Protein backbone atom coordinates (compact mmCIF):
# COMPACT_ATOMS: atom_id res chain seq x y z
CA UNK A 1 8.04 17.95 4.00
CA UNK A 2 8.18 14.43 5.34
CA UNK A 3 5.09 12.26 5.51
CA UNK A 4 4.55 9.69 8.25
CA UNK A 5 2.80 6.50 7.18
CA UNK A 6 1.91 3.71 9.57
CA UNK A 7 1.84 0.24 8.06
CA UNK A 8 0.22 -2.57 10.05
CA UNK A 9 2.21 -5.65 9.14
CA UNK A 10 0.62 -9.10 8.57
CA UNK A 11 1.14 -9.96 12.25
CA UNK A 12 -0.60 -6.79 13.47
CA UNK A 13 2.54 -4.87 14.42
CA UNK A 14 2.56 -1.15 13.61
CA UNK A 15 5.56 -0.06 11.54
CA UNK A 16 5.86 3.70 11.26
CA UNK A 17 7.92 5.04 8.39
CA UNK A 18 8.76 8.48 7.07
CA UNK A 19 8.58 9.18 3.35
CA UNK A 20 9.11 12.23 1.21
CA UNK A 21 6.39 14.15 -0.59
CA UNK A 22 5.82 12.48 -3.97
CA UNK A 23 7.30 9.13 -2.94
CA UNK A 24 5.45 5.98 -3.99
CA UNK A 25 3.79 4.08 -1.12
CA UNK A 26 5.08 0.74 -2.42
CA UNK A 27 8.68 1.95 -2.27
CA UNK A 28 8.16 3.47 1.20
CA UNK A 29 6.76 0.17 2.48
CA UNK A 30 9.55 -1.88 0.93
CA UNK A 31 12.15 0.46 2.45
CA UNK A 32 10.55 -0.18 5.85
CA UNK A 33 10.99 -3.95 5.34
CA UNK A 34 7.34 -4.79 4.77
CA UNK A 35 6.31 -7.80 2.63
CA UNK A 36 5.08 -5.77 -0.33
CA UNK A 37 6.35 -7.63 -3.34
CA UNK A 38 5.51 -5.27 -6.20
CA UNK A 39 6.37 -7.93 -8.76
CA UNK A 40 5.37 -5.79 -11.74
CA UNK A 41 7.22 -2.73 -10.39
CA UNK A 42 4.17 -0.48 -10.52
CA UNK A 43 2.88 -1.41 -13.98
CA UNK A 44 -0.47 -2.68 -12.61
CA UNK A 45 0.13 -6.17 -13.95
CA UNK A 46 -0.16 -7.87 -10.55
CA UNK A 47 -1.67 -7.29 -7.12
CA UNK A 48 1.34 -8.17 -4.95
CA UNK A 49 1.46 -4.68 -3.43
CA UNK A 50 -2.13 -4.81 -2.17
CA UNK A 51 -2.82 -2.86 1.03
CA UNK A 52 -5.98 -2.11 2.96
CA UNK A 53 -6.38 1.58 3.66
CA UNK A 54 -7.81 2.57 7.05
CA UNK A 55 -11.48 3.44 6.56
CA UNK A 56 -11.06 7.01 7.79
CA UNK A 57 -8.41 7.62 5.11
CA UNK A 58 -9.90 5.82 2.14
CA UNK A 59 -12.12 8.63 0.81
CA UNK A 60 -9.32 11.17 1.29
CA UNK A 61 -7.11 9.43 -1.28
CA UNK A 62 -7.44 10.06 -5.01
CA UNK A 63 -9.80 7.42 -6.43
CA UNK A 64 -8.47 4.24 -7.97
CA UNK A 65 -8.44 4.03 -11.74
CA UNK A 66 -10.57 1.45 -13.53
CA UNK A 67 -7.38 -0.52 -14.28
CA UNK A 68 -6.44 -0.58 -10.59
CA UNK A 69 -9.95 -1.69 -9.64
CA UNK A 70 -9.71 -4.52 -12.16
CA UNK A 71 -6.35 -5.65 -10.76
CA UNK A 72 -7.70 -5.56 -7.19
CA UNK A 73 -10.13 -8.30 -8.25
CA UNK A 74 -7.08 -10.62 -8.14
CA UNK A 75 -5.86 -9.48 -4.71
CA UNK A 76 -6.23 -12.04 -1.94
CA UNK A 77 -8.44 -10.70 0.83
CA UNK A 78 -9.47 -7.56 -1.06
CA UNK A 79 -11.95 -5.27 0.69
CA UNK A 80 -13.82 -2.08 -0.11
CA UNK A 81 -10.85 -0.02 1.07
CA UNK A 82 -8.20 -2.03 -0.79
CA UNK A 83 -5.67 -0.26 -3.00
CA UNK A 84 -2.48 -1.11 -4.85
CA UNK A 85 0.29 0.67 -2.97
CA UNK A 86 2.19 1.20 -6.24
CA UNK A 87 -0.58 3.52 -7.38
CA UNK A 88 -0.51 5.84 -4.37
CA UNK A 89 1.80 8.83 -4.56
CA UNK A 90 2.24 10.20 -1.06
CA UNK A 91 1.39 13.85 -0.50
CA UNK A 92 1.46 16.19 2.48
CA UNK A 93 -2.29 15.66 2.88
CA UNK A 94 -1.60 11.97 3.61
CA UNK A 95 0.58 12.63 6.66
CA UNK A 96 -0.59 10.17 9.32
CA UNK A 97 -2.07 7.67 6.84
CA UNK A 98 -2.50 4.10 8.11
CA UNK A 99 -2.62 1.03 5.86
CA UNK A 100 -2.62 -2.69 6.58
CA UNK A 101 -0.59 -5.30 4.72
CA UNK A 102 -2.99 -8.29 4.50
CA UNK A 103 -2.09 -11.39 6.48
CA UNK A 104 -2.29 -13.52 3.34
CA UNK A 105 0.35 -11.46 1.52
CA UNK A 106 3.55 -13.11 0.45
CA UNK A 107 6.93 -11.74 -0.44
CA UNK A 108 8.83 -13.90 -2.91
CA UNK A 109 11.92 -11.77 -2.27
CA UNK A 110 12.24 -13.43 1.15
CA UNK A 111 11.75 -17.05 0.12
């Protein structure tokens, strides 16, 4: 089953993308052209894939690990509903999920 995820880009534009069950949110966002760097390639050694999960979705996601919480301390503009997109495996229950890519994100791949 395909999962629809809506990313709100740093300029406020909604970018809807379709991902497969089990796909990593970071990879889905990158495939949609969003500025999610993912410098450490999912090893939780950076916070360049930081997203802000819509409040109504936050408690429906599996909780962040202690390591992820620690890394979010380094994310620019982190909020209560912040997550590292590399740590979210998309499931059927997440169909319709909305996340925001913070305005202060940067993508070194495009420099």
